[in-house]
Amino acid sequence: FTAVQGKFDPAMIKATRTLPLQKAW
């Protein structure tokens, strides 16, 4: 998930604060 998040734009990074990518997956 860290590798995927490293490709996010700032808005997506902010969105993952609400629901982390691992939980979304």
PDB file of all heavy atoms in Angstrom:
ATOM      1  N   PHE A   1       0.811  -1.209   0.000  1.00  0.00           N
ATOM      2  CA  PHE A   1       0.000   0.000   0.000  1.00  0.00           C
ATOM      3  C   PHE A   1       0.852   1.270   0.000  1.00  0.00           C
ATOM      4  O   PHE A   1       0.465   2.275  -0.597  1.00  0.00           O
ATOM      5  CB  PHE A   1      -0.970  -0.020   1.179  1.00  0.00           C
ATOM      6  CG  PHE A   1      -1.855  -1.234   1.153  1.00  0.00           C
ATOM      7  CD1 PHE A   1      -1.692  -2.255   2.076  1.00  0.00           C
ATOM      8  CD2 PHE A   1      -2.823  -1.390   0.170  1.00  0.00           C
ATOM      9  CE1 PHE A   1      -2.487  -3.383   2.035  1.00  0.00           C
ATOM     10  CE2 PHE A   1      -3.618  -2.514   0.112  1.00  0.00           C
ATOM     11  CZ  PHE A   1      -3.450  -3.521   1.054  1.00  0.00           C
ATOM     12  N   THR A   2       2.012   1.228   0.620  1.00  0.00           N
ATOM     13  CA  THR A   2       2.903   2.388   0.631  1.00  0.00           C
ATOM     14  C   THR A   2       3.359   2.725  -0.784  1.00  0.00           C
ATOM     15  O   THR A   2       3.435   3.901  -1.154  1.00  0.00           O
ATOM     16  CB  THR A   2       4.112   2.134   1.554  1.00  0.00           C
ATOM     17  OG1 THR A   2       3.624   1.822   2.864  1.00  0.00           O
ATOM     18  CG2 THR A   2       5.006   3.344   1.641  1.00  0.00           C
ATOM     19  N   ALA A   3       3.639   1.710  -1.582  1.00  0.00           N
ATOM     20  CA  ALA A   3       4.056   1.943  -2.970  1.00  0.00           C
ATOM     21  C   ALA A   3       2.945   2.616  -3.762  1.00  0.00           C
ATOM     22  O   ALA A   3       3.203   3.536  -4.542  1.00  0.00           O
ATOM     23  CB  ALA A   3       4.458   0.625  -3.631  1.00  0.00           C
ATOM     24  N   VAL A   4       1.711   2.191  -3.559  1.00  0.00           N
ATOM     25  CA  VAL A   4       0.576   2.788  -4.274  1.00  0.00           C
ATOM     26  C   VAL A   4       0.377   4.226  -3.800  1.00  0.00           C
ATOM     27  O   VAL A   4       0.246   5.146  -4.608  1.00  0.00           O
ATOM     28  CB  VAL A   4      -0.709   1.964  -4.075  1.00  0.00           C
ATOM     29  CG1 VAL A   4      -1.907   2.652  -4.720  1.00  0.00           C
ATOM     30  CG2 VAL A   4      -0.545   0.551  -4.633  1.00  0.00           C
ATOM     31  N   GLN A   5       0.377   4.425  -2.504  1.00  0.00           N
ATOM     32  CA  GLN A   5       0.159   5.770  -1.964  1.00  0.00           C
ATOM     33  C   GLN A   5       1.254   6.739  -2.395  1.00  0.00           C
ATOM     34  O   GLN A   5       1.005   7.936  -2.518  1.00  0.00           O
ATOM     35  CB  GLN A   5       0.068   5.733  -0.443  1.00  0.00           C
ATOM     36  CG  GLN A   5      -1.242   5.123   0.021  1.00  0.00           C
ATOM     37  CD  GLN A   5      -1.299   4.955   1.518  1.00  0.00           C
ATOM     38  OE1 GLN A   5      -0.475   4.257   2.107  1.00  0.00           O
ATOM     39  NE2 GLN A   5      -2.273   5.591   2.130  1.00  0.00           N
ATOM     40  N   GLY A   6       2.435   6.252  -2.660  1.00  0.00           N
ATOM     41  CA  GLY A   6       3.525   7.100  -3.130  1.00  0.00           C
ATOM     42  C   GLY A   6       3.251   7.709  -4.493  1.00  0.00           C
ATOM     43  O   GLY A   6       3.920   8.658  -4.900  1.00  0.00           O
ATOM     44  N   LYS A   7       2.247   7.183  -5.194  1.00  0.00           N
ATOM     45  CA  LYS A   7       1.881   7.691  -6.516  1.00  0.00           C
ATOM     46  C   LYS A   7       0.666   8.618  -6.465  1.00  0.00           C
ATOM     47  O   LYS A   7       0.233   9.144  -7.490  1.00  0.00           O
ATOM     48  CB  LYS A   7       1.604   6.522  -7.456  1.00  0.00           C
ATOM     49  CG  LYS A   7       2.808   5.622  -7.652  1.00  0.00           C
ATOM     50  CD  LYS A   7       2.460   4.357  -8.395  1.00  0.00           C
ATOM     51  CE  LYS A   7       3.703   3.483  -8.458  1.00  0.00           C
ATOM     52  NZ  LYS A   7       3.420   2.098  -8.609  1.00  0.00           N
ATOM     53  N   PHE A   8       0.095   8.821  -5.276  1.00  0.00           N
ATOM     54  CA  PHE A   8      -1.103   9.650  -5.121  1.00  0.00           C
ATOM     55  C   PHE A   8      -0.788  11.128  -5.253  1.00  0.00           C
ATOM     56  O   PHE A   8       0.278  11.583  -4.829  1.00  0.00           O
ATOM     57  CB  PHE A   8      -1.737   9.422  -3.751  1.00  0.00           C
ATOM     58  CG  PHE A   8      -2.513   8.136  -3.608  1.00  0.00           C
ATOM     59  CD1 PHE A   8      -3.098   7.822  -2.402  1.00  0.00           C
ATOM     60  CD2 PHE A   8      -2.660   7.242  -4.656  1.00  0.00           C
ATOM     61  CE1 PHE A   8      -3.821   6.656  -2.237  1.00  0.00           C
ATOM     62  CE2 PHE A   8      -3.378   6.067  -4.503  1.00  0.00           C
ATOM     63  CZ  PHE A   8      -3.970   5.777  -3.292  1.00  0.00           C
ATOM     64  N   ASP A   9      -1.758  11.875  -5.780  1.00  0.00           N
ATOM     65  CA  ASP A   9      -1.647  13.334  -5.780  1.00  0.00           C
ATOM     66  C   ASP A   9      -2.040  13.832  -4.380  1.00  0.00           C
ATOM     67  O   ASP A   9      -2.510  13.044  -3.544  1.00  0.00           O
ATOM     68  CB  ASP A   9      -2.471  13.961  -6.907  1.00  0.00           C
ATOM     69  CG  ASP A   9      -3.981  13.874  -6.737  1.00  0.00           C
ATOM     70  OD1 ASP A   9      -4.487  13.471  -5.662  1.00  0.00           O
ATOM     71  OD2 ASP A   9      -4.686  14.230  -7.687  1.00  0.00           O
ATOM     72  N   PRO A  10      -1.825  15.108  -4.066  1.00  0.00           N
ATOM     73  CA  PRO A  10      -2.106  15.611  -2.715  1.00  0.00           C
ATOM     74  C   PRO A  10      -3.543  15.377  -2.241  1.00  0.00           C
ATOM     75  O   PRO A  10      -3.763  15.058  -1.067  1.00  0.00           O
ATOM     76  CB  PRO A  10      -1.789  17.105  -2.823  1.00  0.00           C
ATOM     77  CG  PRO A  10      -0.753  17.189  -3.892  1.00  0.00           C
ATOM     78  CD  PRO A  10      -1.156  16.124  -4.894  1.00  0.00           C
ATOM     79  N   ALA A  11      -4.519  15.502  -3.125  1.00  0.00           N
ATOM     80  CA  ALA A  11      -5.910  15.280  -2.720  1.00  0.00           C
ATOM     81  C   ALA A  11      -6.157  13.823  -2.333  1.00  0.00           C
ATOM     82  O   ALA A  11      -6.893  13.540  -1.377  1.00  0.00           O
ATOM     83  CB  ALA A  11      -6.856  15.710  -3.833  1.00  0.00           C
ATOM     84  N   MET A  12      -5.550  12.893  -3.049  1.00  0.00           N
ATOM     85  CA  MET A  12      -5.704  11.480  -2.701  1.00  0.00           C
ATOM     86  C   MET A  12      -4.990  11.156  -1.393  1.00  0.00           C
ATOM     87  O   MET A  12      -5.485  10.360  -0.591  1.00  0.00           O
ATOM     88  CB  MET A  12      -5.173  10.585  -3.833  1.00  0.00           C
ATOM     89  CG  MET A  12      -6.123  10.465  -5.006  1.00  0.00           C
ATOM     90  SD  MET A  12      -7.672   9.616  -4.609  1.00  0.00           S
ATOM     91  CE  MET A  12      -7.083   7.939  -4.405  1.00  0.00           C
ATOM     92  N   ILE A  13      -3.851  11.761  -1.180  1.00  0.00           N
ATOM     93  CA  ILE A  13      -3.148  11.561   0.096  1.00  0.00           C
ATOM     94  C   ILE A  13      -4.037  12.022   1.242  1.00  0.00           C
ATOM     95  O   ILE A  13      -4.175  11.330   2.256  1.00  0.00           O
ATOM     96  CB  ILE A  13      -1.786  12.294   0.095  1.00  0.00           C
ATOM     97  CG1 ILE A  13      -0.832  11.620  -0.892  1.00  0.00           C
ATOM     98  CG2 ILE A  13      -1.184  12.327   1.502  1.00  0.00           C
ATOM     99  CD1 ILE A  13       0.426  12.412  -1.183  1.00  0.00           C
ATOM    100  N   LYS A  14      -4.667  13.160   1.065  1.00  0.00           N
ATOM    101  CA  LYS A  14      -5.571  13.683   2.093  1.00  0.00           C
ATOM    102  C   LYS A  14      -6.753  12.736   2.307  1.00  0.00           C
ATOM    103  O   LYS A  14      -7.172  12.492   3.436  1.00  0.00           O
ATOM    104  CB  LYS A  14      -6.051  15.073   1.693  1.00  0.00           C
ATOM    105  CG  LYS A  14      -6.902  15.735   2.732  1.00  0.00           C
ATOM    106  CD  LYS A  14      -7.287  17.144   2.304  1.00  0.00           C
ATOM    107  CE  LYS A  14      -8.185  17.780   3.354  1.00  0.00           C
ATOM    108  NZ  LYS A  14      -8.620  19.118   2.954  1.00  0.00           N
ATOM    109  N   ALA A  15      -7.303  12.182   1.225  1.00  0.00           N
ATOM    110  CA  ALA A  15      -8.443  11.266   1.318  1.00  0.00           C
ATOM    111  C   ALA A  15      -8.099  10.012   2.114  1.00  0.00           C
ATOM    112  O   ALA A  15      -8.947   9.471   2.815  1.00  0.00           O
ATOM    113  CB  ALA A  15      -8.937  10.888  -0.075  1.00  0.00           C
ATOM    114  N   THR A  16      -6.843   9.558   2.024  1.00  0.00           N
ATOM    115  CA  THR A  16      -6.465   8.339   2.755  1.00  0.00           C
ATOM    116  C   THR A  16      -6.352   8.580   4.250  1.00  0.00           C
ATOM    117  O   THR A  16      -6.261   7.624   5.011  1.00  0.00           O
ATOM    118  CB  THR A  16      -5.156   7.729   2.225  1.00  0.00           C
ATOM    119  OG1 THR A  16      -4.103   8.669   2.357  1.00  0.00           O
ATOM    120  CG2 THR A  16      -5.306   7.283   0.792  1.00  0.00           C
ATOM    121  N   ARG A  17      -6.372   9.830   4.672  1.00  0.00           N
ATOM    122  CA  ARG A  17      -6.425  10.108   6.118  1.00  0.00           C
ATOM    123  C   ARG A  17      -7.787   9.731   6.677  1.00  0.00           C
ATOM    124  O   ARG A  17      -7.905   9.342   7.823  1.00  0.00           O
ATOM    125  CB  ARG A  17      -6.113  11.576   6.393  1.00  0.00           C
ATOM    126  CG  ARG A  17      -4.686  11.930   6.087  1.00  0.00           C
ATOM    127  CD  ARG A  17      -4.381  13.373   6.456  1.00  0.00           C
ATOM    128  NE  ARG A  17      -3.114  13.751   5.852  1.00  0.00           N
ATOM    129  CZ  ARG A  17      -2.911  14.869   5.189  1.00  0.00           C
ATOM    130  NH1 ARG A  17      -3.874  15.758   5.057  1.00  0.00           N
ATOM    131  NH2 ARG A  17      -1.739  15.123   4.658  1.00  0.00           N
ATOM    132  N   THR A  18      -8.832   9.849   5.841  1.00  0.00           N
ATOM    133  CA  THR A  18     -10.181   9.484   6.245  1.00  0.00           C
ATOM    134  C   THR A  18     -10.346   7.972   6.267  1.00  0.00           C
ATOM    135  O   THR A  18     -10.888   7.408   7.201  1.00  0.00           O
ATOM    136  CB  THR A  18     -11.210  10.105   5.271  1.00  0.00           C
ATOM    137  OG1 THR A  18     -10.998  11.508   5.218  1.00  0.00           O
ATOM    138  CG2 THR A  18     -12.619   9.797   5.710  1.00  0.00           C
ATOM    139  N   LEU A  19      -9.905   7.326   5.219  1.00  0.00           N
ATOM    140  CA  LEU A  19      -9.957   5.868   5.133  1.00  0.00           C
ATOM    141  C   LEU A  19      -8.666   5.388   4.499  1.00  0.00           C
ATOM    142  O   LEU A  19      -8.439   5.582   3.308  1.00  0.00           O
ATOM    143  CB  LEU A  19     -11.152   5.406   4.277  1.00  0.00           C
ATOM    144  CG  LEU A  19     -11.310   3.892   4.114  1.00  0.00           C
ATOM    145  CD1 LEU A  19     -11.577   3.206   5.445  1.00  0.00           C
ATOM    146  CD2 LEU A  19     -12.430   3.595   3.147  1.00  0.00           C
ATOM    147  N   PRO A  20      -7.801   4.782   5.306  1.00  0.00           N
ATOM    148  CA  PRO A  20      -6.523   4.300   4.758  1.00  0.00           C
ATOM    149  C   PRO A  20      -6.741   3.321   3.600  1.00  0.00           C
ATOM    150  O   PRO A  20      -7.717   2.576   3.558  1.00  0.00           O
ATOM    151  CB  PRO A  20      -5.876   3.602   5.956  1.00  0.00           C
ATOM    152  CG  PRO A  20      -6.516   4.231   7.155  1.00  0.00           C
ATOM    153  CD  PRO A  20      -7.920   4.543   6.732  1.00  0.00           C
ATOM    154  N   LEU A  21      -5.808   3.346   2.673  1.00  0.00           N
ATOM    155  CA  LEU A  21      -5.901   2.516   1.479  1.00  0.00           C
ATOM    156  C   LEU A  21      -6.065   1.038   1.824  1.00  0.00           C
ATOM    157  O   LEU A  21      -6.847   0.332   1.200  1.00  0.00           O
ATOM    158  CB  LEU A  21      -4.673   2.734   0.590  1.00  0.00           C
ATOM    159  CG  LEU A  21      -4.652   1.980  -0.727  1.00  0.00           C
ATOM    160  CD1 LEU A  21      -5.871   2.313  -1.583  1.00  0.00           C
ATOM    161  CD2 LEU A  21      -3.371   2.285  -1.476  1.00  0.00           C
ATOM    162  N   GLN A  22      -5.343   0.563   2.818  1.00  0.00           N
ATOM    163  CA  GLN A  22      -5.448  -0.847   3.201  1.00  0.00           C
ATOM    164  C   GLN A  22      -6.883  -1.188   3.593  1.00  0.00           C
ATOM    165  O   GLN A  22      -7.414  -2.225   3.199  1.00  0.00           O
ATOM    166  CB  GLN A  22      -4.488  -1.167   4.345  1.00  0.00           C
ATOM    167  CG  GLN A  22      -4.543  -2.621   4.760  1.00  0.00           C
ATOM    168  CD  GLN A  22      -3.510  -2.965   5.831  1.00  0.00           C
ATOM    169  OE1 GLN A  22      -2.729  -2.116   6.259  1.00  0.00           O
ATOM    170  NE2 GLN A  22      -3.508  -4.202   6.256  1.00  0.00           N
ATOM    171  N   LYS A  23      -7.544  -0.316   4.353  1.00  0.00           N
ATOM    172  CA  LYS A  23      -8.934  -0.571   4.752  1.00  0.00           C
ATOM    173  C   LYS A  23      -9.863  -0.515   3.544  1.00  0.00           C
ATOM    174  O   LYS A  23     -10.810  -1.287   3.449  1.00  0.00           O
ATOM    175  CB  LYS A  23      -9.378   0.431   5.813  1.00  0.00           C
ATOM    176  CG  LYS A  23      -8.809   0.142   7.172  1.00  0.00           C
ATOM    177  CD  LYS A  23      -9.427   1.037   8.215  1.00  0.00           C
ATOM    178  CE  LYS A  23      -8.871   0.688   9.580  1.00  0.00           C
ATOM    179  NZ  LYS A  23      -9.564   1.420  10.639  1.00  0.00           N
ATOM    180  N   ALA A  24      -9.605   0.397   2.621  1.00  0.00           N
ATOM    181  CA  ALA A  24     -10.426   0.495   1.415  1.00  0.00           C
ATOM    182  C   ALA A  24     -10.301  -0.779   0.572  1.00  0.00           C
ATOM    183  O   ALA A  24     -11.301  -1.303   0.075  1.00  0.00           O
ATOM    184  CB  ALA A  24     -10.027   1.721   0.596  1.00  0.00           C
ATOM    185  N   TRP A  25      -9.083  -1.284   0.412  1.00  0.00           N
ATOM    186  CA  TRP A  25      -8.864  -2.512  -0.354  1.00  0.00           C
ATOM    187  C   TRP A  25      -9.529  -3.699   0.351  1.00  0.00           C
ATOM    188  O   TRP A  25     -10.143  -4.555  -0.297  1.00  0.00           O
ATOM    189  CB  TRP A  25      -7.378  -2.748  -0.566  1.00  0.00           C
ATOM    190  CG  TRP A  25      -7.058  -3.988  -1.356  1.00  0.00           C
ATOM    191  CD1 TRP A  25      -6.423  -5.110  -0.909  1.00  0.00           C
ATOM    192  CD2 TRP A  25      -7.353  -4.243  -2.739  1.00  0.00           C
ATOM    193  NE1 TRP A  25      -6.306  -6.038  -1.922  1.00  0.00           N
ATOM    194  CE2 TRP A  25      -6.869  -5.524  -3.061  1.00  0.00           C
ATOM    195  CE3 TRP A  25      -7.978  -3.508  -3.740  1.00  0.00           C
ATOM    196  CZ2 TRP A  25      -6.999  -6.084  -4.324  1.00  0.00           C
ATOM    197  CZ3 TRP A  25      -8.102  -4.070  -5.008  1.00  0.00           C
ATOM    198  CH2 TRP A  25      -7.618  -5.348  -5.278  1.00  0.00           C
TER     199      TRP A  25
END
